[in-house]
Every structure is written in C-alpha cells, then in structure tokens.
Amino acid sequence: MTESIRLSADDVRQLRDVAERIARRHSSVRRFAIEIAERFSLTTGNAALNIRAISADPDWADTDLNQTFPWSRIRERHILANGGALFDLYIYERPGIGETGDLVCCVQAELDGQGLIAVHADSTRDVWRRSDL
C-alpha cells in the first residue's frame, strides 16, 4: 500500500500564514498568490510536485522547475516518498483579483504522514516547525 497524505485545513492555513509572513519580508503588498511547483529530474526526466519522489539529493540540485500550479493543488491527496514530501512554493505579488505580479520568494513545505512538519524559506530552515517534533 502506498502511503499518502491530505493536509488538514489547519495545516493549509498554517502553511499559507507562514508563507505570507516570509513574503512580507520582501514585499509590502497586501496580498500574495501562492503556486505549487512541479519539478523534473535532470537525470530521469520524471516530474512531480513532491520533490522527494524524484530526487534523493538533500538540496535537490538534480531537479529544475517544470511548471507551477494553483495553490488549490496543495489540498489534494499527495503520495509520500520514503514517508515524506517536500513541496516548492512560489509566492507572487497579487496586485488585484486574478492578477499575478512579480515573484517575491520561494518557500518549501515539508510533510510526513501526520501532516505539515516544517516550512523553510530559501536560505533559512525551519522558519516554522510542528511543535511535537
């Protein structure tokens, strides 16, 4: 049986709150659009939202951005790889409804079978970490 996870509403809210707090360090806009990145392996060509499904490199230097998808995809059920998932989120300015502005920053979300473990900014690990760890 393949283990999978669907984030709880609380985890989704927590992730969005932390991502927006990180983005506010770089931009003064009021609202942000968040997209989830699909990355592809430079060695196999396989693509996935869960970086751990295509890369064993701790820095995932053997992957590159393929495309981004709307934030709503974070609510899907995701297959875990080796008990976990790692998502790369792109945070954009949102000047108006339905508009996407400039890229502000990227944030990474780490999950296990219980849900959201940690949120990382590009240069800072564990900006937020689940309290039971």
C-alpha atoms as a PDB file:
ATOM      1  CA  MET A   1       0.000   0.000   0.000  1.00  0.00           C
ATOM      2  CA  THR A   2       1.269   3.453  -0.923  1.00  0.00           C
ATOM      3  CA  GLU A   3       1.149   5.957   1.887  1.00  0.00           C
ATOM      4  CA  SER A   4      -0.411   9.316   1.095  1.00  0.00           C
ATOM      5  CA  ILE A   5      -1.460  12.454   2.925  1.00  0.00           C
ATOM      6  CA  ARG A   6      -4.057  15.161   2.543  1.00  0.00           C
ATOM      7  CA  LEU A   7      -3.244  18.257   4.565  1.00  0.00           C
ATOM      8  CA  SER A   8      -5.801  19.293   7.159  1.00  0.00           C
ATOM      9  CA  ALA A   9      -7.467  22.697   6.917  1.00  0.00           C
ATOM     10  CA  ASP A  10      -5.333  23.800   9.895  1.00  0.00           C
ATOM     11  CA  ASP A  11      -2.126  22.717   8.124  1.00  0.00           C
ATOM     12  CA  VAL A  12      -3.152  24.553   4.949  1.00  0.00           C
ATOM     13  CA  ARG A  13      -3.907  27.717   6.957  1.00  0.00           C
ATOM     14  CA  GLN A  14      -0.625  27.431   8.869  1.00  0.00           C
ATOM     15  CA  LEU A  15       1.361  26.965   5.667  1.00  0.00           C
ATOM     16  CA  ARG A  16      -0.293  29.941   3.975  1.00  0.00           C
ATOM     17  CA  ASP A  17       0.203  32.166   7.053  1.00  0.00           C
ATOM     18  CA  VAL A  18       3.902  31.318   7.316  1.00  0.00           C
ATOM     19  CA  ALA A  19       4.460  31.684   3.553  1.00  0.00           C
ATOM     20  CA  GLU A  20       2.826  35.120   3.546  1.00  0.00           C
ATOM     21  CA  ARG A  21       4.818  36.191   6.612  1.00  0.00           C
ATOM     22  CA  ILE A  22       8.033  35.220   4.792  1.00  0.00           C
ATOM     23  CA  ALA A  23       6.894  37.083   1.658  1.00  0.00           C
ATOM     24  CA  ARG A  24       6.217  40.236   3.699  1.00  0.00           C
ATOM     25  CA  ARG A  25       9.925  40.394   4.474  1.00  0.00           C
ATOM     26  CA  HIS A  26      10.480  41.098   0.765  1.00  0.00           C
ATOM     27  CA  SER A  27       7.370  42.978  -0.360  1.00  0.00           C
ATOM     28  CA  SER A  28       4.911  45.467   1.089  1.00  0.00           C
ATOM     29  CA  VAL A  29       1.888  44.379  -0.986  1.00  0.00           C
ATOM     30  CA  ARG A  30      -1.179  43.324   0.967  1.00  0.00           C
ATOM     31  CA  ARG A  31      -1.959  40.102  -0.858  1.00  0.00           C
ATOM     32  CA  PHE A  32       0.014  37.275  -2.366  1.00  0.00           C
ATOM     33  CA  ALA A  33      -0.670  34.485  -4.828  1.00  0.00           C
ATOM     34  CA  ILE A  34       0.921  31.134  -3.989  1.00  0.00           C
ATOM     35  CA  GLU A  35       1.616  28.489  -6.603  1.00  0.00           C
ATOM     36  CA  ILE A  36       2.947  24.971  -6.107  1.00  0.00           C
ATOM     37  CA  ALA A  37       5.845  23.961  -8.346  1.00  0.00           C
ATOM     38  CA  GLU A  38       6.146  20.790 -10.317  1.00  0.00           C
ATOM     39  CA  ARG A  39       9.830  19.950 -10.679  1.00  0.00           C
ATOM     40  CA  PHE A  40      11.520  17.496 -13.021  1.00  0.00           C
ATOM     41  CA  SER A  41      14.556  15.306 -12.516  1.00  0.00           C
ATOM     42  CA  LEU A  42      17.544  16.295 -14.626  1.00  0.00           C
ATOM     43  CA  THR A  43      18.672  12.649 -14.653  1.00  0.00           C
ATOM     44  CA  THR A  44      15.431  10.739 -15.345  1.00  0.00           C
ATOM     45  CA  GLY A  45      13.104  13.392 -16.768  1.00  0.00           C
ATOM     46  CA  ASN A  46      10.339  12.369 -14.326  1.00  0.00           C
ATOM     47  CA  ALA A  47       8.209  15.220 -12.967  1.00  0.00           C
ATOM     48  CA  ALA A  48       6.383  15.527  -9.635  1.00  0.00           C
ATOM     49  CA  LEU A  49       5.002  18.023  -7.141  1.00  0.00           C
ATOM     50  CA  ASN A  50       6.704  16.041  -4.358  1.00  0.00           C
ATOM     51  CA  ILE A  51      10.413  16.688  -4.859  1.00  0.00           C
ATOM     52  CA  ARG A  52      11.298  13.616  -2.773  1.00  0.00           C
ATOM     53  CA  ALA A  53       9.562  11.425  -5.371  1.00  0.00           C
ATOM     54  CA  ILE A  54      12.162  12.394  -7.996  1.00  0.00           C
ATOM     55  CA  SER A  55      15.300  13.344  -6.036  1.00  0.00           C
ATOM     56  CA  ALA A  56      17.380  11.856  -3.232  1.00  0.00           C
ATOM     57  CA  ASP A  57      19.700  14.888  -3.234  1.00  0.00           C
ATOM     58  CA  PRO A  58      19.140  16.826   0.030  1.00  0.00           C
ATOM     59  CA  ASP A  59      19.490  20.092  -1.924  1.00  0.00           C
ATOM     60  CA  TRP A  60      17.512  18.709  -4.929  1.00  0.00           C
ATOM     61  CA  ALA A  61      20.163  20.206  -7.212  1.00  0.00           C
ATOM     62  CA  ASP A  62      19.356  17.446  -9.702  1.00  0.00           C
ATOM     63  CA  THR A  63      15.911  18.981 -10.378  1.00  0.00           C
ATOM     64  CA  ASP A  64      14.579  22.049 -12.134  1.00  0.00           C
ATOM     65  CA  LEU A  65      11.261  23.866 -12.335  1.00  0.00           C
ATOM     66  CA  ASN A  66       8.874  22.342 -14.853  1.00  0.00           C
ATOM     67  CA  GLN A  67       5.740  24.438 -14.248  1.00  0.00           C
ATOM     68  CA  THR A  68       3.623  25.865 -11.446  1.00  0.00           C
ATOM     69  CA  PHE A  69       0.047  25.092 -10.498  1.00  0.00           C
ATOM     70  CA  PRO A  70      -2.581  26.969  -8.466  1.00  0.00           C
ATOM     71  CA  TRP A  71      -2.401  26.907  -4.672  1.00  0.00           C
ATOM     72  CA  SER A  72      -5.569  24.797  -4.554  1.00  0.00           C
ATOM     73  CA  ARG A  73      -3.500  21.726  -5.544  1.00  0.00           C
ATOM     74  CA  ILE A  74      -1.995  21.733  -2.032  1.00  0.00           C
ATOM     75  CA  ARG A  75      -5.349  20.359  -0.812  1.00  0.00           C
ATOM     76  CA  GLU A  76      -5.075  17.212  -2.961  1.00  0.00           C
ATOM     77  CA  ARG A  77      -4.040  13.842  -1.600  1.00  0.00           C
ATOM     78  CA  HIS A  78      -0.275  13.516  -2.142  1.00  0.00           C
ATOM     79  CA  ILE A  79       1.760  10.317  -2.365  1.00  0.00           C
ATOM     80  CA  LEU A  80       4.620  10.244   0.151  1.00  0.00           C
ATOM     81  CA  ALA A  81       8.081   9.127  -0.914  1.00  0.00           C
ATOM     82  CA  ASN A  82      10.104   7.437   1.825  1.00  0.00           C
ATOM     83  CA  GLY A  83       7.498   8.632   4.333  1.00  0.00           C
ATOM     84  CA  GLY A  84       7.626  12.298   3.377  1.00  0.00           C
ATOM     85  CA  ALA A  85       7.001  15.044   0.887  1.00  0.00           C
ATOM     86  CA  LEU A  86       8.731  18.293   0.033  1.00  0.00           C
ATOM     87  CA  PHE A  87       6.945  20.998  -1.941  1.00  0.00           C
ATOM     88  CA  ASP A  88       8.439  24.097  -3.515  1.00  0.00           C
ATOM     89  CA  LEU A  89       6.022  27.036  -3.352  1.00  0.00           C
ATOM     90  CA  TYR A  90       6.355  30.214  -5.400  1.00  0.00           C
ATOM     91  CA  ILE A  91       4.984  33.377  -3.785  1.00  0.00           C
ATOM     92  CA  TYR A  92       3.943  36.213  -6.114  1.00  0.00           C
ATOM     93  CA  GLU A  93       2.615  39.696  -5.506  1.00  0.00           C
ATOM     94  CA  ARG A  94      -1.110  39.853  -6.201  1.00  0.00           C
ATOM     95  CA  PRO A  95      -1.900  43.426  -7.199  1.00  0.00           C
ATOM     96  CA  GLY A  96      -5.560  42.682  -7.992  1.00  0.00           C
ATOM     97  CA  ILE A  97      -8.049  39.822  -8.102  1.00  0.00           C
ATOM     98  CA  GLY A  98      -6.934  37.249 -10.656  1.00  0.00           C
ATOM     99  CA  GLU A  99      -3.676  39.106 -11.339  1.00  0.00           C
ATOM    100  CA  THR A 100      -0.250  37.684 -10.626  1.00  0.00           C
ATOM    101  CA  GLY A 101       2.573  40.131 -10.136  1.00  0.00           C
ATOM    102  CA  ASP A 102       6.289  39.672  -9.635  1.00  0.00           C
ATOM    103  CA  LEU A 103       7.851  36.703  -7.879  1.00  0.00           C
ATOM    104  CA  VAL A 104       8.569  37.636  -4.260  1.00  0.00           C
ATOM    105  CA  CYS A 105      10.203  34.498  -2.884  1.00  0.00           C
ATOM    106  CA  CYS A 106      10.049  30.722  -2.674  1.00  0.00           C
ATOM    107  CA  VAL A 107       9.067  28.676   0.370  1.00  0.00           C
ATOM    108  CA  GLN A 108       9.385  24.950   0.945  1.00  0.00           C
ATOM    109  CA  ALA A 109       6.840  22.845   2.814  1.00  0.00           C
ATOM    110  CA  GLU A 110       7.923  19.561   4.389  1.00  0.00           C
ATOM    111  CA  LEU A 111       5.322  16.878   5.229  1.00  0.00           C
ATOM    112  CA  ASP A 112       5.202  13.458   6.832  1.00  0.00           C
ATOM    113  CA  GLY A 113       2.355  11.014   7.369  1.00  0.00           C
ATOM    114  CA  GLN A 114       0.943  13.254  10.131  1.00  0.00           C
ATOM    115  CA  GLY A 115       0.850  16.437   8.052  1.00  0.00           C
ATOM    116  CA  LEU A 116       2.927  19.602   7.883  1.00  0.00           C
ATOM    117  CA  ILE A 117       6.322  19.194   9.612  1.00  0.00           C
ATOM    118  CA  ALA A 118       8.139  22.407   8.734  1.00  0.00           C
ATOM    119  CA  VAL A 119       8.251  25.438   6.482  1.00  0.00           C
ATOM    120  CA  HIS A 120      11.556  26.708   5.117  1.00  0.00           C
ATOM    121  CA  ALA A 121      12.479  29.919   3.358  1.00  0.00           C
ATOM    122  CA  ASP A 122      15.084  29.618   0.613  1.00  0.00           C
ATOM    123  CA  SER A 123      18.010  30.449   2.864  1.00  0.00           C
ATOM    124  CA  THR A 124      16.512  29.640   6.268  1.00  0.00           C
ATOM    125  CA  ARG A 125      15.477  26.209   7.501  1.00  0.00           C
ATOM    126  CA  ASP A 126      12.646  25.712   9.952  1.00  0.00           C
ATOM    127  CA  VAL A 127      11.030  29.147   9.823  1.00  0.00           C
ATOM    128  CA  TRP A 128       8.143  27.204  11.325  1.00  0.00           C
ATOM    129  CA  ARG A 129       8.268  23.684  12.810  1.00  0.00           C
ATOM    130  CA  ARG A 130       5.486  21.474  14.182  1.00  0.00           C
ATOM    131  CA  SER A 131       5.533  21.599  17.983  1.00  0.00           C
ATOM    132  CA  ASP A 132       5.560  17.836  18.615  1.00  0.00           C
ATOM    133  CA  LEU A 133       8.941  17.356  16.921  1.00  0.00           C
END
